[in-house]
Amino acid sequence: MSRKDSLSKNIRKLRKECKLSQEELAKKVGITFSTLTKLESGVNKNPTLNTLCKIADVLGVSLDELVGRKLQNIEKMI
């Protein structure tokens, strides 16, 4: 699974864990419902960093967690 596929699945999974509807998350993040559904379905594969930061903040996770990066993969790169 690519990192971009992980992003869409992670957003959906984390949103559900926070018991938020798509409408609620979109409103809290300050994006349209349409934008969020495109992110969750993988249609929008290049969201802005600002959007990703807002989503991560609302969902209470780091950007690394949101995009599916694992600490051990980062440590291998160092």
PDB file of N, CA and C in Angstrom:
ATOM      1  N   MET A   1       0.856  -1.167   0.000  1.00  0.00           N
ATOM      2  CA  MET A   1       0.000   0.000   0.000  1.00  0.00           C
ATOM      3  C   MET A   1       0.904   1.233   0.000  1.00  0.00           C
ATOM      4  N   SER A   2       0.618   2.173  -0.872  1.00  0.00           N
ATOM      5  CA  SER A   2       1.425   3.380  -0.952  1.00  0.00           C
ATOM      6  C   SER A   2       1.078   4.311   0.199  1.00  0.00           C
ATOM      7  N   ARG A   3       1.949   5.279   0.434  1.00  0.00           N
ATOM      8  CA  ARG A   3       1.721   6.232   1.513  1.00  0.00           C
ATOM      9  C   ARG A   3       0.455   7.036   1.251  1.00  0.00           C
ATOM     10  N   LYS A   4       0.170   7.345  -0.031  1.00  0.00           N
ATOM     11  CA  LYS A   4      -1.023   8.118  -0.354  1.00  0.00           C
ATOM     12  C   LYS A   4      -2.283   7.318  -0.066  1.00  0.00           C
ATOM     13  N   ASP A   5      -2.253   6.007  -0.315  1.00  0.00           N
ATOM     14  CA  ASP A   5      -3.389   5.153   0.032  1.00  0.00           C
ATOM     15  C   ASP A   5      -3.544   5.093   1.550  1.00  0.00           C
ATOM     16  N   SER A   6      -2.415   5.050   2.243  1.00  0.00           N
ATOM     17  CA  SER A   6      -2.450   5.027   3.709  1.00  0.00           C
ATOM     18  C   SER A   6      -3.087   6.284   4.254  1.00  0.00           C
ATOM     19  N   LEU A   7      -2.796   7.417   3.635  1.00  0.00           N
ATOM     20  CA  LEU A   7      -3.345   8.682   4.101  1.00  0.00           C
ATOM     21  C   LEU A   7      -4.866   8.645   4.072  1.00  0.00           C
ATOM     22  N   SER A   8      -5.442   8.258   2.959  1.00  0.00           N
ATOM     23  CA  SER A   8      -6.907   8.258   2.863  1.00  0.00           C
ATOM     24  C   SER A   8      -7.517   7.285   3.868  1.00  0.00           C
ATOM     25  N   LYS A   9      -6.920   6.124   4.019  1.00  0.00           N
ATOM     26  CA  LYS A   9      -7.443   5.139   4.972  1.00  0.00           C
ATOM     27  C   LYS A   9      -7.249   5.603   6.407  1.00  0.00           C
ATOM     28  N   ASN A  10      -6.121   6.247   6.678  1.00  0.00           N
ATOM     29  CA  ASN A  10      -5.862   6.733   8.037  1.00  0.00           C
ATOM     30  C   ASN A  10      -6.822   7.843   8.428  1.00  0.00           C
ATOM     31  N   ILE A  11      -7.081   8.756   7.511  1.00  0.00           N
ATOM     32  CA  ILE A  11      -8.017   9.834   7.831  1.00  0.00           C
ATOM     33  C   ILE A  11      -9.374   9.240   8.196  1.00  0.00           C
ATOM     34  N   ARG A  12      -9.857   8.326   7.384  1.00  0.00           N
ATOM     35  CA  ARG A  12     -11.165   7.706   7.635  1.00  0.00           C
ATOM     36  C   ARG A  12     -11.166   6.957   8.961  1.00  0.00           C
ATOM     37  N   LYS A  13     -10.123   6.160   9.195  1.00  0.00           N
ATOM     38  CA  LYS A  13     -10.031   5.355  10.424  1.00  0.00           C
ATOM     39  C   LYS A  13      -9.971   6.251  11.664  1.00  0.00           C
ATOM     40  N   LEU A  14      -9.116   7.251  11.626  1.00  0.00           N
ATOM     41  CA  LEU A  14      -8.964   8.141  12.782  1.00  0.00           C
ATOM     42  C   LEU A  14     -10.215   8.968  13.019  1.00  0.00           C
ATOM     43  N   ARG A  15     -10.864   9.405  11.946  1.00  0.00           N
ATOM     44  CA  ARG A  15     -12.115  10.159  12.083  1.00  0.00           C
ATOM     45  C   ARG A  15     -13.164   9.317  12.789  1.00  0.00           C
ATOM     46  N   LYS A  16     -13.269   8.061  12.386  1.00  0.00           N
ATOM     47  CA  LYS A  16     -14.258   7.173  13.010  1.00  0.00           C
ATOM     48  C   LYS A  16     -13.910   6.893  14.469  1.00  0.00           C
ATOM     49  N   GLU A  17     -12.610   6.752  14.769  1.00  0.00           N
ATOM     50  CA  GLU A  17     -12.187   6.535  16.152  1.00  0.00           C
ATOM     51  C   GLU A  17     -12.549   7.728  17.032  1.00  0.00           C
ATOM     52  N   CYS A  18     -12.528   8.919  16.435  1.00  0.00           N
ATOM     53  CA  CYS A  18     -12.903  10.146  17.165  1.00  0.00           C
ATOM     54  C   CYS A  18     -14.413  10.367  17.161  1.00  0.00           C
ATOM     55  N   LYS A  19     -15.128   9.428  16.538  1.00  0.00           N
ATOM     56  CA  LYS A  19     -16.592   9.497  16.468  1.00  0.00           C
ATOM     57  C   LYS A  19     -17.078  10.805  15.827  1.00  0.00           C
ATOM     58  N   LEU A  20     -16.402  11.179  14.735  1.00  0.00           N
ATOM     59  CA  LEU A  20     -16.779  12.359  13.981  1.00  0.00           C
ATOM     60  C   LEU A  20     -17.347  11.951  12.630  1.00  0.00           C
ATOM     61  N   SER A  21     -18.372  12.642  12.203  1.00  0.00           N
ATOM     62  CA  SER A  21     -18.870  12.436  10.839  1.00  0.00           C
ATOM     63  C   SER A  21     -17.942  13.192   9.892  1.00  0.00           C
ATOM     64  N   GLN A  22     -18.094  12.918   8.609  1.00  0.00           N
ATOM     65  CA  GLN A  22     -17.304  13.648   7.626  1.00  0.00           C
ATOM     66  C   GLN A  22     -17.625  15.143   7.702  1.00  0.00           C
ATOM     67  N   GLU A  23     -18.892  15.463   7.857  1.00  0.00           N
ATOM     68  CA  GLU A  23     -19.301  16.870   7.961  1.00  0.00           C
ATOM     69  C   GLU A  23     -18.671  17.543   9.166  1.00  0.00           C
ATOM     70  N   GLU A  24     -18.667  16.856  10.305  1.00  0.00           N
ATOM     71  CA  GLU A  24     -18.097  17.428  11.526  1.00  0.00           C
ATOM     72  C   GLU A  24     -16.599  17.678  11.374  1.00  0.00           C
ATOM     73  N   LEU A  25     -15.884  16.689  10.841  1.00  0.00           N
ATOM     74  CA  LEU A  25     -14.446  16.851  10.669  1.00  0.00           C
ATOM     75  C   LEU A  25     -14.149  17.972   9.684  1.00  0.00           C
ATOM     76  N   ALA A  26     -14.840  17.995   8.576  1.00  0.00           N
ATOM     77  CA  ALA A  26     -14.613  19.047   7.577  1.00  0.00           C
ATOM     78  C   ALA A  26     -14.810  20.425   8.200  1.00  0.00           C
ATOM     79  N   LYS A  27     -15.869  20.584   8.984  1.00  0.00           N
ATOM     80  CA  LYS A  27     -16.163  21.866   9.624  1.00  0.00           C
ATOM     81  C   LYS A  27     -15.067  22.254  10.601  1.00  0.00           C
ATOM     82  N   LYS A  28     -14.613  21.300  11.429  1.00  0.00           N
ATOM     83  CA  LYS A  28     -13.574  21.579  12.418  1.00  0.00           C
ATOM     84  C   LYS A  28     -12.240  21.936  11.748  1.00  0.00           C
ATOM     85  N   VAL A  29     -11.971  21.310  10.612  1.00  0.00           N
ATOM     86  CA  VAL A  29     -10.718  21.545   9.897  1.00  0.00           C
ATOM     87  C   VAL A  29     -10.788  22.831   9.073  1.00  0.00           C
ATOM     88  N   GLY A  30     -12.003  23.211   8.680  1.00  0.00           N
ATOM     89  CA  GLY A  30     -12.160  24.406   7.857  1.00  0.00           C
ATOM     90  C   GLY A  30     -12.033  24.127   6.373  1.00  0.00           C
ATOM     91  N   ILE A  31     -12.434  22.899   5.983  1.00  0.00           N
ATOM     92  CA  ILE A  31     -12.447  22.531   4.565  1.00  0.00           C
ATOM     93  C   ILE A  31     -13.870  22.125   4.195  1.00  0.00           C
ATOM     94  N   THR A  32     -14.131  22.024   2.913  1.00  0.00           N
ATOM     95  CA  THR A  32     -15.468  21.625   2.492  1.00  0.00           C
ATOM     96  C   THR A  32     -15.661  20.129   2.681  1.00  0.00           C
ATOM     97  N   PHE A  33     -16.920  19.749   2.791  1.00  0.00           N
ATOM     98  CA  PHE A  33     -17.279  18.336   2.867  1.00  0.00           C
ATOM     99  C   PHE A  33     -16.734  17.602   1.642  1.00  0.00           C
ATOM    100  N   SER A  34     -16.855  18.244   0.486  1.00  0.00           N
ATOM    101  CA  SER A  34     -16.382  17.662  -0.768  1.00  0.00           C
ATOM    102  C   SER A  34     -14.877  17.385  -0.730  1.00  0.00           C
ATOM    103  N   THR A  35     -14.123  18.333  -0.199  1.00  0.00           N
ATOM    104  CA  THR A  35     -12.669  18.142  -0.100  1.00  0.00           C
ATOM    105  C   THR A  35     -12.343  16.952   0.787  1.00  0.00           C
ATOM    106  N   LEU A  36     -13.030  16.838   1.919  1.00  0.00           N
ATOM    107  CA  LEU A  36     -12.771  15.724   2.833  1.00  0.00           C
ATOM    108  C   LEU A  36     -13.127  14.386   2.184  1.00  0.00           C
ATOM    109  N   THR A  37     -14.250  14.317   1.503  1.00  0.00           N
ATOM    110  CA  THR A  37     -14.623  13.049   0.876  1.00  0.00           C
ATOM    111  C   THR A  37     -13.616  12.671  -0.214  1.00  0.00           C
ATOM    112  N   LYS A  38     -13.078  13.656  -0.902  1.00  0.00           N
ATOM    113  CA  LYS A  38     -12.053  13.370  -1.919  1.00  0.00           C
ATOM    114  C   LYS A  38     -10.773  12.871  -1.266  1.00  0.00           C
ATOM    115  N   LEU A  39     -10.436  13.422  -0.105  1.00  0.00           N
ATOM    116  CA  LEU A  39      -9.254  12.945   0.616  1.00  0.00           C
ATOM    117  C   LEU A  39      -9.454  11.509   1.098  1.00  0.00           C
ATOM    118  N   GLU A  40     -10.606  11.237   1.676  1.00  0.00           N
ATOM    119  CA  GLU A  40     -10.872   9.898   2.214  1.00  0.00           C
ATOM    120  C   GLU A  40     -11.009   8.843   1.122  1.00  0.00           C
ATOM    121  N   SER A  41     -11.443   9.240  -0.046  1.00  0.00           N
ATOM    122  CA  SER A  41     -11.605   8.265  -1.133  1.00  0.00           C
ATOM    123  C   SER A  41     -10.337   8.124  -1.971  1.00  0.00           C
ATOM    124  N   GLY A  42      -9.345   8.971  -1.714  1.00  0.00           N
ATOM    125  CA  GLY A  42      -8.093   8.889  -2.462  1.00  0.00           C
ATOM    126  C   GLY A  42      -8.110   9.660  -3.768  1.00  0.00           C
ATOM    127  N   VAL A  43      -9.197  10.385  -4.059  1.00  0.00           N
ATOM    128  CA  VAL A  43      -9.272  11.175  -5.284  1.00  0.00           C
ATOM    129  C   VAL A  43      -8.294  12.348  -5.209  1.00  0.00           C
ATOM    130  N   ASN A  44      -8.264  13.033  -4.059  1.00  0.00           N
ATOM    131  CA  ASN A  44      -7.318  14.125  -3.837  1.00  0.00           C
ATOM    132  C   ASN A  44      -6.096  13.518  -3.167  1.00  0.00           C
ATOM    133  N   LYS A  45      -5.047  13.314  -3.941  1.00  0.00           N
ATOM    134  CA  LYS A  45      -3.850  12.659  -3.419  1.00  0.00           C
ATOM    135  C   LYS A  45      -2.765  13.639  -3.012  1.00  0.00           C
ATOM    136  N   ASN A  46      -3.018  14.932  -3.190  1.00  0.00           N
ATOM    137  CA  ASN A  46      -2.006  15.933  -2.868  1.00  0.00           C
ATOM    138  C   ASN A  46      -2.576  17.087  -2.056  1.00  0.00           C
ATOM    139  N   PRO A  47      -3.040  16.812  -0.845  1.00  0.00           N
ATOM    140  CA  PRO A  47      -3.556  17.896  -0.016  1.00  0.00           C
ATOM    141  C   PRO A  47      -2.414  18.815   0.414  1.00  0.00           C
ATOM    142  N   THR A  48      -2.758  20.039   0.750  1.00  0.00           N
ATOM    143  CA  THR A  48      -1.723  20.972   1.203  1.00  0.00           C
ATOM    144  C   THR A  48      -1.231  20.566   2.587  1.00  0.00           C
ATOM    145  N   LEU A  49      -0.029  21.002   2.902  1.00  0.00           N
ATOM    146  CA  LEU A  49       0.529  20.731   4.222  1.00  0.00           C
ATOM    147  C   LEU A  49      -0.339  21.381   5.293  1.00  0.00           C
ATOM    148  N   ASN A  50      -0.844  22.556   5.009  1.00  0.00           N
ATOM    149  CA  ASN A  50      -1.717  23.250   5.949  1.00  0.00           C
ATOM    150  C   ASN A  50      -2.953  22.408   6.263  1.00  0.00           C
ATOM    151  N   THR A  51      -3.569  21.834   5.236  1.00  0.00           N
ATOM    152  CA  THR A  51      -4.749  20.980   5.439  1.00  0.00           C
ATOM    153  C   THR A  51      -4.391  19.754   6.264  1.00  0.00           C
ATOM    154  N   LEU A  52      -3.265  19.121   5.945  1.00  0.00           N
ATOM    155  CA  LEU A  52      -2.852  17.934   6.696  1.00  0.00           C
ATOM    156  C   LEU A  52      -2.593  18.275   8.163  1.00  0.00           C
ATOM    157  N   CYS A  53      -1.961  19.419   8.410  1.00  0.00           N
ATOM    158  CA  CYS A  53      -1.699  19.842   9.795  1.00  0.00           C
ATOM    159  C   CYS A  53      -3.003  20.044  10.556  1.00  0.00           C
ATOM    160  N   LYS A  54      -3.969  20.684   9.925  1.00  0.00           N
ATOM    161  CA  LYS A  54      -5.252  20.924  10.581  1.00  0.00           C
ATOM    162  C   LYS A  54      -5.971  19.607  10.877  1.00  0.00           C
ATOM    163  N   ILE A  55      -5.951  18.686   9.928  1.00  0.00           N
ATOM    164  CA  ILE A  55      -6.599  17.381  10.135  1.00  0.00           C
ATOM    165  C   ILE A  55      -5.919  16.649  11.290  1.00  0.00           C
ATOM    166  N   ALA A  56      -4.588  16.623  11.283  1.00  0.00           N
ATOM    167  CA  ALA A  56      -3.846  15.950  12.353  1.00  0.00           C
ATOM    168  C   ALA A  56      -4.165  16.566  13.712  1.00  0.00           C
ATOM    169  N   ASP A  57      -4.219  17.893  13.765  1.00  0.00           N
ATOM    170  CA  ASP A  57      -4.530  18.570  15.033  1.00  0.00           C
ATOM    171  C   ASP A  57      -5.916  18.193  15.539  1.00  0.00           C
ATOM    172  N   VAL A  58      -6.904  18.224  14.659  1.00  0.00           N
ATOM    173  CA  VAL A  58      -8.277  17.906  15.065  1.00  0.00           C
ATOM    174  C   VAL A  58      -8.379  16.450  15.513  1.00  0.00           C
ATOM    175  N   LEU A  59      -7.669  15.565  14.832  1.00  0.00           N
ATOM    176  CA  LEU A  59      -7.741  14.138  15.165  1.00  0.00           C
ATOM    177  C   LEU A  59      -6.789  13.760  16.305  1.00  0.00           C
ATOM    178  N   GLY A  60      -5.947  14.692  16.733  1.00  0.00           N
ATOM    179  CA  GLY A  60      -5.061  14.446  17.868  1.00  0.00           C
ATOM    180  C   GLY A  60      -3.907  13.511  17.578  1.00  0.00           C
ATOM    181  N   VAL A  61      -3.388  13.575  16.351  1.00  0.00           N
ATOM    182  CA  VAL A  61      -2.255  12.725  15.970  1.00  0.00           C
ATOM    183  C   VAL A  61      -1.168  13.583  15.339  1.00  0.00           C
ATOM    184  N   SER A  62       0.021  13.005  15.201  1.00  0.00           N
ATOM    185  CA  SER A  62       1.110  13.700  14.520  1.00  0.00           C
ATOM    186  C   SER A  62       0.931  13.562  13.010  1.00  0.00           C
ATOM    187  N   LEU A  63       1.639  14.406  12.260  1.00  0.00           N
ATOM    188  CA  LEU A  63       1.616  14.268  10.804  1.00  0.00           C
ATOM    189  C   LEU A  63       2.138  12.901  10.376  1.00  0.00           C
ATOM    190  N   ASP A  64       3.183  12.423  11.053  1.00  0.00           N
ATOM    191  CA  ASP A  64       3.730  11.101  10.730  1.00  0.00           C
ATOM    192  C   ASP A  64       2.670  10.017  10.868  1.00  0.00           C
ATOM    193  N   GLU A  65       1.919  10.071  11.964  1.00  0.00           N
ATOM    194  CA  GLU A  65       0.853   9.082  12.166  1.00  0.00           C
ATOM    195  C   GLU A  65      -0.219   9.218  11.090  1.00  0.00           C
ATOM    196  N   LEU A  66      -0.569  10.453  10.768  1.00  0.00           N
ATOM    197  CA  LEU A  66      -1.617  10.684   9.783  1.00  0.00           C
ATOM    198  C   LEU A  66      -1.253  10.109   8.420  1.00  0.00           C
ATOM    199  N   VAL A  67       0.009  10.271   8.013  1.00  0.00           N
ATOM    200  CA  VAL A  67       0.408   9.794   6.684  1.00  0.00           C
ATOM    201  C   VAL A  67       0.925   8.361   6.691  1.00  0.00           C
ATOM    202  N   GLY A  68       0.966   7.740   7.878  1.00  0.00           N
ATOM    203  CA  GLY A  68       1.340   6.329   7.944  1.00  0.00           C
ATOM    204  C   GLY A  68       2.824   6.061   8.056  1.00  0.00           C
ATOM    205  N   ARG A  69       3.598   7.094   8.420  1.00  0.00           N
ATOM    206  CA  ARG A  69       5.033   6.876   8.626  1.00  0.00           C
ATOM    207  C   ARG A  69       5.247   6.252   9.983  1.00  0.00           C
ATOM    208  N   LYS A  70       6.136   5.282  10.023  1.00  0.00           N
ATOM    209  CA  LYS A  70       6.447   4.607  11.278  1.00  0.00           C
ATOM    210  C   LYS A  70       7.830   5.026  11.737  1.00  0.00           C
ATOM    211  N   LEU A  71       7.992   5.160  13.047  1.00  0.00           N
ATOM    212  CA  LEU A  71       9.247   5.605  13.623  1.00  0.00           C
ATOM    213  C   LEU A  71      10.417   4.739  13.186  1.00  0.00           C
ATOM    214  N   GLN A  72      10.249   3.431  13.131  1.00  0.00           N
ATOM    215  CA  GLN A  72      11.347   2.559  12.767  1.00  0.00           C
ATOM    216  C   GLN A  72      11.794   2.816  11.329  1.00  0.00           C
ATOM    217  N   ASN A  73      10.877   3.195  10.431  1.00  0.00           N
ATOM    218  CA  ASN A  73      11.273   3.508   9.064  1.00  0.00           C
ATOM    219  C   ASN A  73      12.107   4.781   9.021  1.00  0.00           C
ATOM    220  N   ILE A  74      11.777   5.723   9.862  1.00  0.00           N
ATOM    221  CA  ILE A  74      12.535   6.977   9.927  1.00  0.00           C
ATOM    222  C   ILE A  74      13.920   6.718  10.485  1.00  0.00           C
ATOM    223  N   GLU A  75      14.023   5.881  11.525  1.00  0.00           N
ATOM    224  CA  GLU A  75      15.309   5.589  12.139  1.00  0.00           C
ATOM    225  C   GLU A  75      16.244   4.882  11.164  1.00  0.00           C
ATOM    226  N   LYS A  76      15.711   4.078  10.269  1.00  0.00           N
ATOM    227  CA  LYS A  76      16.537   3.390   9.267  1.00  0.00           C
ATOM    228  C   LYS A  76      17.164   4.380   8.289  1.00  0.00           C
ATOM    229  N   MET A  77      16.476   5.498   8.067  1.00  0.00           N
ATOM    230  CA  MET A  77      16.959   6.494   7.118  1.00  0.00           C
ATOM    231  C   MET A  77      18.118   7.311   7.709  1.00  0.00           C
ATOM    232  N   ILE A  78      18.238   7.343   9.030  1.00  0.00           N
ATOM    233  CA  ILE A  78      19.263   8.167   9.691  1.00  0.00           C
ATOM    234  C   ILE A  78      20.597   7.477   9.691  1.00  0.00           C
TER     235      ILE A  78
END
